[in-house]
Amino acid sequence: MHRHRYLMTSAAAVGAALALSLSGCTGGAPTTGGDSQTPASGELSGSITFQTWSLKGDKFTPYFEKLVSSFQEAHPGTTINWIDQPGDGYEDKLQQQAGSGELPDVVNLSDTYAYTLAKAGQLVDLATADTKAIKLYVPGGLAGYTFEGLSGTWSYPWYLGTDLSWWNTEQLKKAGLDKPPATNDEWLADAMTAAKASNGEIRLISSMPDQGTFEDAGVTFYKDGKFVFNTDKAVETLQKYVDLYKAGAMPPDALNGDYAGNTALFTQDKVAFTTGSSSLANQLATDAPSLVANVDVTKRLGVPPLFVQGLSVAKDSKNMPLAMAFAQYATNDENQTAFVKLAQGFLPGTIAANENPSAFIDTNASPLMKKAVGLAAEEMKAARPNQATKYTDAMKKYLAQQLALAMQGQISAKDALDKAVDFCNENM
């Protein structure tokens, strides 16, 4: 893994896991209608290469074949060569392509991969090259491709993910709670109430604190080239979780190296709360059908995270007009809507497409799924990507280790954060 992969466990997993999560989906096909994001002036000709990431298969191949043929029919004399790379080894493939001067003209990138390639001068700055159309995309999605120390926007937001809050209402009622909490402060207070009322049997904390936890609490995580998340406010925030763990509000599983994740604990009925995308509704129907009747979903507490996949344009493309036009075409409102109708649980990267979730919700979706997708589309207005581009997987792992020691009472909350900050700053 490269040193800038600050969201690979979430953002890039959107691409890697997508093909697996869509085996039962149905949906639409590309359209040429309303192609407001394709330049109207200038005749296009020639050929380009368009590369996707782990999207070739029974569900998506027909979509991309239609996308390409529709564009070529609208622009006679053009050829779009679609290729797809496997999920495993994609970063190595990109490095090989960039190093040999063979980066595809239009290429599917997560924010982390776009950062690396943009820093190496391999991508077109779309904020400069496309000042009009770039404004049509979700602001948070654009922010996901706008990086510290690099002036520009390096990808068209294509398909996006975010988290929601999921609740086991039966367990809430057993703890004397009549409805899900609406804020982080209410949640932590309810977690303590539930733990005490149930002698630690009902748990509303399903994972350890992380970067988002501290930022939601008003803690600055990274500033002026340094990690600074060991302030008094950060210590106070962590201490709340230490106290909650001691009271039994969090399962011991969450501290283990083999932790399966908060969603797994939720589907196993071990916790009463989890975060997850709207596709969790379908997962519950398959993995834990007996739970579905007692599950409710609300917007993500705090600032919702945004996980992004985008289409970038290679700076060295030998057919820049065609590359720009196709990237805009593939990410226009209609084609994004058709794509996420197939990719249930994901959201389009344009503002207009998110205004009408009913256009991309499967008509056969359950009421819970429809509610979740609608809430996720609303979250797009506030969802924001992680911008700590120096925060590596090694740093995340070390922070988690120190937090676990604090939870277990082996070190203080302050010592845990001081050690983690020192480690992060020494290993940038």
Protein backbone atom coordinates (compact mmCIF):
# COMPACT_ATOMS: atom_id res chain seq x y z
CA MET A 1 0.00 0.00 0.00
CA HIS A 2 1.31 3.46 -0.82
CA ARG A 3 1.83 6.05 1.87
CA HIS A 4 -1.10 8.28 0.86
CA ARG A 5 -3.84 5.67 1.06
CA TYR A 6 -5.87 7.54 3.69
CA LEU A 7 -9.26 6.11 2.74
CA MET A 8 -8.46 2.78 1.17
CA THR A 9 -10.35 0.81 3.81
CA SER A 10 -13.48 2.68 2.85
CA ALA A 11 -13.31 4.72 -0.32
CA ALA A 12 -11.44 2.37 -2.60
CA ALA A 13 -13.38 -0.53 -1.16
CA VAL A 14 -16.38 1.08 -2.84
CA GLY A 15 -14.85 0.09 -6.15
CA ALA A 16 -13.33 -3.22 -5.13
CA ALA A 17 -16.47 -4.55 -3.47
CA LEU A 18 -18.99 -3.14 -5.92
CA ALA A 19 -19.16 -6.09 -8.27
CA LEU A 20 -19.71 -8.45 -5.34
CA SER A 21 -22.52 -6.40 -3.84
CA LEU A 22 -24.63 -6.13 -6.96
CA SER A 23 -25.29 -9.70 -7.94
CA GLY A 24 -29.02 -9.38 -7.35
CA CYS A 25 -29.55 -5.87 -8.70
CA THR A 26 -31.50 -4.73 -11.72
CA GLY A 27 -31.35 -1.36 -13.39
CA GLY A 28 -31.11 0.94 -16.35
CA ALA A 29 -28.81 1.62 -19.25
CA PRO A 30 -26.87 4.62 -20.56
CA THR A 31 -28.69 7.38 -22.30
CA THR A 32 -27.77 10.12 -24.71
CA GLY A 33 -30.58 12.41 -23.58
CA GLY A 34 -29.89 15.64 -21.75
CA ASP A 35 -26.18 15.46 -22.41
CA SER A 36 -25.57 18.95 -21.02
CA GLN A 37 -22.10 18.07 -19.79
CA THR A 38 -20.68 17.20 -23.19
CA PRO A 39 -19.22 20.16 -25.12
CA ALA A 40 -21.60 21.20 -27.89
CA SER A 41 -18.99 22.89 -30.05
CA GLY A 42 -16.26 21.22 -32.06
CA GLU A 43 -16.37 17.96 -34.00
CA LEU A 44 -14.94 14.95 -32.21
CA SER A 45 -12.93 12.25 -33.95
CA GLY A 46 -10.31 9.60 -33.33
CA SER A 47 -10.01 7.16 -30.45
CA ILE A 48 -9.29 7.03 -26.72
CA THR A 49 -8.98 4.35 -24.03
CA PHE A 50 -11.42 4.31 -21.11
CA GLN A 51 -10.41 2.26 -18.07
CA THR A 52 -12.65 1.10 -15.20
CA TRP A 53 -11.74 -0.71 -12.01
CA SER A 54 -13.22 -4.14 -11.22
CA LEU A 55 -16.50 -3.44 -13.01
CA LYS A 56 -16.49 -6.04 -15.77
CA GLY A 57 -19.11 -8.72 -15.30
CA ASP A 58 -22.64 -9.83 -16.04
CA LYS A 59 -24.26 -6.75 -14.50
CA PHE A 60 -21.92 -4.02 -15.72
CA THR A 61 -20.54 -5.15 -19.06
CA PRO A 62 -23.84 -4.49 -20.89
CA TYR A 63 -23.99 -1.04 -19.28
CA PHE A 64 -20.52 -0.04 -20.46
CA GLU A 65 -20.99 -1.54 -23.92
CA LYS A 66 -24.17 0.53 -24.30
CA LEU A 67 -22.46 3.64 -22.86
CA VAL A 68 -19.69 3.36 -25.43
CA SER A 69 -21.94 2.57 -28.39
CA SER A 70 -24.35 5.40 -27.55
CA PHE A 71 -21.51 7.90 -27.43
CA GLN A 72 -20.02 6.64 -30.68
CA GLU A 73 -23.40 6.82 -32.42
CA ALA A 74 -23.79 10.42 -31.25
CA HIS A 75 -20.27 11.23 -32.46
CA PRO A 76 -19.55 9.35 -35.71
CA GLY A 77 -15.85 8.84 -36.34
CA THR A 78 -15.00 8.27 -32.69
CA THR A 79 -13.85 5.05 -31.02
CA ILE A 80 -13.91 4.44 -27.27
CA ASN A 81 -11.80 1.44 -26.26
CA TRP A 82 -13.16 0.23 -22.92
CA ILE A 83 -10.86 -1.84 -20.73
CA ASP A 84 -11.33 -3.02 -17.14
CA GLN A 85 -8.64 -3.87 -14.61
CA PRO A 86 -9.10 -6.38 -11.75
CA GLY A 87 -9.58 -5.10 -8.22
CA ASP A 88 -6.36 -6.69 -6.96
CA GLY A 89 -3.19 -4.96 -8.05
CA TYR A 90 -4.91 -1.88 -9.47
CA GLU A 91 -2.48 0.53 -7.85
CA ASP A 92 0.50 -1.33 -9.28
CA LYS A 93 -1.14 -1.32 -12.70
CA LEU A 94 -1.69 2.44 -12.54
CA GLN A 95 1.92 3.03 -11.55
CA GLN A 96 3.09 0.86 -14.42
CA GLN A 97 0.85 2.69 -16.90
CA ALA A 98 1.91 6.12 -15.65
CA GLY A 99 5.58 5.20 -15.61
CA SER A 100 5.50 3.98 -19.20
CA GLY A 101 3.44 6.91 -20.49
CA GLU A 102 0.43 4.68 -21.14
CA LEU A 103 -2.08 5.99 -18.61
CA PRO A 104 -5.56 5.58 -20.19
CA ASP A 105 -7.14 8.76 -21.54
CA VAL A 106 -10.10 8.45 -19.14
CA VAL A 107 -9.42 6.46 -16.00
CA ASN A 108 -11.45 5.39 -12.95
CA LEU A 109 -9.67 6.56 -9.78
CA SER A 110 -10.36 6.65 -6.08
CA ASP A 111 -9.33 9.83 -4.31
CA THR A 112 -6.12 8.26 -3.03
CA TYR A 113 -5.00 7.14 -6.49
CA ALA A 114 -5.96 10.50 -7.98
CA TYR A 115 -3.85 12.25 -5.34
CA THR A 116 -0.76 10.24 -6.23
CA LEU A 117 -1.18 10.72 -9.98
CA ALA A 118 -2.06 14.40 -9.70
CA LYS A 119 0.99 15.01 -7.54
CA ALA A 120 3.09 13.34 -10.23
CA GLY A 121 1.64 15.67 -12.87
CA GLN A 122 -0.27 12.92 -14.68
CA LEU A 123 -3.84 14.33 -14.59
CA VAL A 124 -5.79 17.25 -16.05
CA ASP A 125 -6.94 19.91 -13.58
CA LEU A 126 -10.64 19.85 -14.37
CA ALA A 127 -11.38 22.99 -12.36
CA THR A 128 -9.31 24.90 -14.93
CA ALA A 129 -10.08 22.85 -18.04
CA ASP A 130 -13.84 22.68 -17.47
CA THR A 131 -14.98 25.67 -15.42
CA LYS A 132 -18.64 25.37 -16.47
CA ALA A 133 -19.43 21.66 -16.20
CA ILE A 134 -17.40 21.10 -13.04
CA LYS A 135 -19.99 23.13 -11.12
CA LEU A 136 -22.64 20.49 -11.83
CA TYR A 137 -21.07 17.94 -9.49
CA VAL A 138 -21.65 17.31 -5.79
CA PRO A 139 -19.44 19.73 -3.79
CA GLY A 140 -18.28 17.02 -1.41
CA GLY A 141 -17.36 14.82 -4.35
CA LEU A 142 -15.27 17.61 -5.85
CA ALA A 143 -13.66 18.19 -2.45
CA GLY A 144 -12.66 14.53 -2.47
CA TYR A 145 -10.48 15.26 -5.48
CA THR A 146 -9.09 18.56 -4.21
CA PHE A 147 -5.91 17.97 -2.23
CA GLU A 148 -3.76 19.87 0.22
CA GLY A 149 -0.74 21.33 -1.53
CA LEU A 150 -2.17 20.78 -5.03
CA SER A 151 -4.17 23.52 -6.72
CA GLY A 152 -6.93 21.97 -8.81
CA THR A 153 -9.71 19.37 -8.99
CA TRP A 154 -8.58 16.08 -10.45
CA SER A 155 -11.62 13.93 -11.19
CA TYR A 156 -15.30 14.07 -12.07
CA PRO A 157 -17.20 12.51 -9.14
CA TRP A 158 -18.79 9.37 -10.59
CA TYR A 159 -20.36 7.14 -7.95
CA LEU A 160 -20.35 7.94 -4.26
CA GLY A 161 -20.95 6.24 -0.95
CA THR A 162 -21.81 7.44 2.52
CA ASP A 163 -22.78 5.99 5.87
CA LEU A 164 -26.09 6.03 7.72
CA SER A 165 -26.98 5.18 11.31
CA TRP A 166 -28.74 1.85 11.88
CA TRP A 167 -30.60 0.95 15.08
CA ASN A 168 -32.08 -2.16 16.64
CA THR A 169 -35.29 -0.61 17.95
CA GLU A 170 -36.22 -3.69 19.99
CA GLN A 171 -33.02 -3.39 22.01
CA LEU A 172 -33.52 0.36 22.39
CA LYS A 173 -36.96 -0.24 23.90
CA LYS A 174 -35.57 -2.84 26.30
CA ALA A 175 -33.14 -0.19 27.54
CA GLY A 176 -35.98 2.31 28.05
CA LEU A 177 -35.15 4.38 24.97
CA ASP A 178 -38.19 5.23 22.87
CA LYS A 179 -36.38 6.50 19.76
CA PRO A 180 -32.91 6.66 18.19
CA PRO A 181 -30.74 9.60 19.30
CA ALA A 182 -30.39 12.57 16.97
CA THR A 183 -26.92 13.83 17.94
CA ASN A 184 -23.59 12.37 18.99
CA ASP A 185 -24.02 13.71 22.52
CA GLU A 186 -27.45 12.08 22.80
CA TRP A 187 -26.02 8.84 21.44
CA LEU A 188 -23.22 8.66 24.00
CA ALA A 189 -25.65 9.50 26.80
CA ASP A 190 -28.08 6.84 25.56
CA ALA A 191 -25.24 4.34 25.32
CA MET A 192 -24.44 4.81 28.99
CA THR A 193 -28.15 4.59 29.88
CA ALA A 194 -28.55 1.35 27.92
CA ALA A 195 -25.42 -0.22 29.39
CA LYS A 196 -26.48 0.53 32.97
CA ALA A 197 -30.10 -0.49 32.43
CA SER A 198 -29.11 -3.83 30.88
CA ASN A 199 -25.97 -4.57 32.93
CA GLY A 200 -23.90 -4.29 29.77
CA GLU A 201 -26.13 -6.50 27.63
CA ILE A 202 -27.37 -3.73 25.32
CA ARG A 203 -24.50 -1.95 23.59
CA LEU A 204 -24.84 1.20 21.51
CA ILE A 205 -21.09 1.62 20.85
CA SER A 206 -19.94 -0.83 18.20
CA SER A 207 -16.44 0.37 17.32
CA MET A 208 -13.53 2.30 18.77
CA PRO A 209 -13.12 6.03 18.16
CA ASP A 210 -11.40 7.06 14.95
CA GLN A 211 -10.49 10.23 13.09
CA GLY A 212 -14.13 11.04 12.35
CA THR A 213 -15.04 10.60 16.02
CA PHE A 214 -12.57 13.25 17.09
CA GLU A 215 -13.45 15.64 14.26
CA ASP A 216 -17.18 15.35 15.05
CA ALA A 217 -16.31 16.35 18.61
CA GLY A 218 -14.62 19.52 17.35
CA VAL A 219 -11.05 18.21 17.54
CA THR A 220 -8.63 19.34 14.82
CA PHE A 221 -6.90 16.22 13.57
CA TYR A 222 -4.27 17.62 11.21
CA LYS A 223 -3.14 21.22 10.79
CA ASP A 224 -0.21 23.10 9.25
CA GLY A 225 1.63 19.94 8.30
CA LYS A 226 1.31 18.20 11.67
CA PHE A 227 -1.04 15.83 13.47
CA VAL A 228 -2.50 17.62 16.48
CA PHE A 229 -5.25 15.34 17.83
CA ASN A 230 -3.88 15.22 21.40
CA THR A 231 -5.53 18.40 22.70
CA ASP A 232 -7.50 18.66 25.96
CA LYS A 233 -10.71 18.31 23.93
CA ALA A 234 -9.40 15.13 22.33
CA VAL A 235 -8.49 13.66 25.71
CA GLU A 236 -11.94 14.54 27.04
CA THR A 237 -13.55 12.87 24.02
CA LEU A 238 -11.52 9.68 24.36
CA GLN A 239 -12.18 9.52 28.10
CA LYS A 240 -15.92 9.32 27.38
CA TYR A 241 -15.30 6.16 25.36
CA VAL A 242 -13.03 4.74 28.05
CA ASP A 243 -15.82 5.23 30.59
CA LEU A 244 -18.40 3.75 28.22
CA TYR A 245 -16.26 0.68 27.62
CA LYS A 246 -15.81 0.19 31.34
CA ALA A 247 -19.60 0.40 31.77
CA GLY A 248 -20.11 -2.33 29.16
CA ALA A 249 -21.46 -0.07 26.39
CA MET A 250 -18.96 -1.49 23.86
CA PRO A 251 -18.27 -5.17 23.14
CA PRO A 252 -14.73 -6.41 23.85
CA ASP A 253 -14.67 -7.71 20.24
CA ALA A 254 -14.19 -4.13 19.05
CA LEU A 255 -10.70 -4.01 20.58
CA ASN A 256 -9.44 -7.22 19.01
CA GLY A 257 -7.09 -7.49 16.06
CA ASP A 258 -9.54 -9.87 14.40
CA TYR A 259 -12.47 -7.47 14.85
CA ALA A 260 -15.00 -8.35 12.15
CA GLY A 261 -16.51 -4.88 12.03
CA ASN A 262 -19.50 -3.13 13.56
CA THR A 263 -21.85 -4.29 10.82
CA ALA A 264 -21.03 -7.93 11.57
CA LEU A 265 -21.75 -7.38 15.26
CA PHE A 266 -25.05 -5.72 14.36
CA THR A 267 -26.23 -8.53 12.10
CA GLN A 268 -25.26 -11.00 14.85
CA ASP A 269 -27.47 -9.05 17.30
CA LYS A 270 -24.45 -8.30 19.52
CA VAL A 271 -24.85 -4.52 19.30
CA ALA A 272 -27.85 -2.25 18.85
CA PHE A 273 -26.14 0.31 16.62
CA THR A 274 -23.95 0.36 13.56
CA THR A 275 -22.98 2.59 10.68
CA GLY A 276 -23.29 1.42 7.10
CA SER A 277 -24.33 2.38 3.60
CA SER A 278 -27.89 2.12 2.33
CA SER A 279 -27.03 -1.30 0.88
CA LEU A 280 -27.03 -2.64 4.46
CA ALA A 281 -30.80 -2.99 4.08
CA ASN A 282 -30.27 -5.68 1.44
CA GLN A 283 -27.51 -7.32 3.46
CA LEU A 284 -29.77 -7.57 6.51
CA ALA A 285 -32.52 -9.14 4.43
CA THR A 286 -30.05 -11.85 3.42
CA ASP A 287 -27.90 -12.29 6.53
CA ALA A 288 -30.32 -11.47 9.35
CA PRO A 289 -33.93 -11.49 8.09
CA SER A 290 -35.30 -11.88 11.60
CA LEU A 291 -33.82 -8.50 12.53
CA VAL A 292 -35.29 -6.47 9.69
CA ALA A 293 -38.66 -5.79 11.32
CA ASN A 294 -36.86 -4.23 14.31
CA VAL A 295 -34.35 -2.13 12.38
CA ASP A 296 -34.63 1.59 11.75
CA VAL A 297 -32.27 3.84 9.83
CA THR A 298 -31.50 7.54 10.35
CA LYS A 299 -28.98 9.99 8.94
CA ARG A 300 -25.40 9.51 10.08
CA LEU A 301 -24.69 11.18 13.40
CA GLY A 302 -22.19 14.00 13.00
CA VAL A 303 -20.77 14.92 9.61
CA PRO A 304 -21.45 12.04 7.20
CA PRO A 305 -18.33 10.67 5.48
CA LEU A 306 -18.10 10.62 1.71
CA PHE A 307 -16.40 7.80 -0.16
CA VAL A 308 -15.68 8.66 -3.77
CA GLN A 309 -14.94 7.09 -7.12
CA GLY A 310 -14.31 9.34 -10.09
CA LEU A 311 -13.25 9.58 -13.72
CA SER A 312 -10.04 11.47 -14.40
CA VAL A 313 -8.46 12.60 -17.66
CA ALA A 314 -4.80 11.87 -18.40
CA LYS A 315 -2.75 15.01 -18.92
CA ASP A 316 -0.79 13.33 -21.72
CA SER A 317 -3.87 12.19 -23.65
CA LYS A 318 -3.23 12.46 -27.38
CA ASN A 319 -6.92 13.23 -27.97
CA MET A 320 -7.84 15.66 -25.22
CA PRO A 321 -11.14 16.93 -26.76
CA LEU A 322 -12.49 13.39 -27.05
CA ALA A 323 -11.23 12.38 -23.59
CA MET A 324 -12.84 15.39 -21.94
CA ALA A 325 -16.10 14.92 -23.81
CA PHE A 326 -16.38 11.24 -22.94
CA ALA A 327 -15.51 11.76 -19.26
CA GLN A 328 -18.25 14.39 -19.05
CA TYR A 329 -20.67 12.17 -20.95
CA ALA A 330 -20.09 9.13 -18.75
CA THR A 331 -20.68 11.24 -15.63
CA ASN A 332 -23.66 13.29 -16.79
CA ASP A 333 -26.94 13.20 -14.83
CA GLU A 334 -28.67 10.59 -16.94
CA ASN A 335 -25.77 8.16 -17.23
CA GLN A 336 -24.90 8.47 -13.55
CA THR A 337 -28.53 7.79 -12.62
CA ALA A 338 -28.56 4.69 -14.83
CA PHE A 339 -25.32 3.45 -13.31
CA VAL A 340 -26.33 3.76 -9.65
CA LYS A 341 -29.66 2.17 -10.46
CA LEU A 342 -27.55 -0.89 -11.13
CA ALA A 343 -25.22 -0.12 -8.22
CA GLN A 344 -27.86 -0.12 -5.51
CA GLY A 345 -26.57 1.55 -2.35
CA PHE A 346 -24.38 4.04 -4.20
CA LEU A 347 -25.23 7.58 -5.24
CA PRO A 348 -24.57 9.68 -8.35
CA GLY A 349 -21.87 12.32 -8.38
CA THR A 350 -23.95 15.16 -9.84
CA ILE A 351 -26.13 17.58 -7.91
CA ALA A 352 -29.19 17.21 -10.13
CA ALA A 353 -29.16 13.41 -10.13
CA ASN A 354 -29.25 13.34 -6.32
CA GLU A 355 -32.35 15.53 -6.26
CA ASN A 356 -34.55 12.64 -7.40
CA PRO A 357 -33.63 9.39 -5.59
CA SER A 358 -36.76 7.68 -6.89
CA ALA A 359 -35.11 7.65 -10.33
CA PHE A 360 -32.38 5.26 -9.17
CA ILE A 361 -34.03 3.25 -6.39
CA ASP A 362 -34.95 -0.25 -7.51
CA THR A 363 -38.74 -0.42 -7.81
CA ASN A 364 -38.58 -3.80 -6.05
CA ALA A 365 -36.56 -2.45 -3.13
CA SER A 366 -37.84 -2.96 0.39
CA PRO A 367 -39.31 -0.01 2.35
CA LEU A 368 -36.18 0.00 4.52
CA MET A 369 -33.93 0.19 1.45
CA LYS A 370 -35.99 2.99 -0.09
CA LYS A 371 -35.82 4.98 3.14
CA ALA A 372 -32.07 4.43 3.40
CA VAL A 373 -31.36 5.53 -0.17
CA GLY A 374 -33.50 8.64 0.28
CA LEU A 375 -31.64 9.58 3.46
CA ALA A 376 -28.27 8.95 1.83
CA ALA A 377 -29.19 11.20 -1.11
CA GLU A 378 -30.11 13.95 1.35
CA GLU A 379 -26.76 13.47 3.09
CA MET A 380 -24.91 14.29 -0.12
CA LYS A 381 -25.46 17.97 0.64
CA ALA A 382 -23.40 17.73 3.82
CA ALA A 383 -21.18 14.68 3.30
CA ARG A 384 -17.47 15.41 3.23
CA PRO A 385 -14.42 13.30 2.32
CA ASN A 386 -11.47 12.69 4.57
CA GLN A 387 -8.77 15.22 3.76
CA ALA A 388 -5.86 14.02 5.95
CA THR A 389 -3.74 12.94 2.99
CA LYS A 390 -0.76 12.05 5.19
CA TYR A 391 -2.72 9.65 7.43
CA THR A 392 -1.49 6.18 6.51
CA ASP A 393 -2.74 2.71 7.36
CA ALA A 394 0.24 2.24 9.69
CA MET A 395 -0.82 5.36 11.59
CA LYS A 396 -4.41 4.15 11.84
CA LYS A 397 -3.23 0.82 13.18
CA TYR A 398 -0.97 2.42 15.78
CA LEU A 399 -3.71 4.79 16.94
CA ALA A 400 -6.11 1.84 17.28
CA GLN A 401 -3.55 -0.03 19.38
CA GLN A 402 -3.11 2.91 21.74
CA LEU A 403 -6.86 3.46 22.02
CA ALA A 404 -7.34 -0.21 22.89
CA LEU A 405 -4.79 0.10 25.68
CA ALA A 406 -6.61 3.16 27.00
CA MET A 407 -9.97 1.34 26.86
CA GLN A 408 -8.52 -1.49 28.92
CA GLY A 409 -7.13 0.94 31.49
CA GLN A 410 -3.49 0.08 30.77
CA ILE A 411 -2.57 3.66 29.84
CA SER A 412 -4.34 7.01 30.24
CA ALA A 413 -6.32 8.68 27.48
CA LYS A 414 -3.72 11.43 27.31
CA ASP A 415 -0.82 8.99 27.01
CA ALA A 416 -2.61 7.13 24.24
CA LEU A 417 -3.15 10.26 22.16
CA ASP A 418 0.30 11.69 22.86
CA LYS A 419 1.94 8.47 21.68
CA ALA A 420 -0.25 8.28 18.60
CA VAL A 421 0.44 11.89 17.61
CA ASP A 422 4.18 11.39 18.07
CA PHE A 423 4.09 8.25 15.95
CA CYS A 424 2.12 9.94 13.16
CA ASN A 425 4.37 12.99 13.01
CA GLU A 426 7.54 10.85 13.07
CA ASN A 427 6.31 8.63 10.26
CA MET A 428 4.91 11.09 7.73
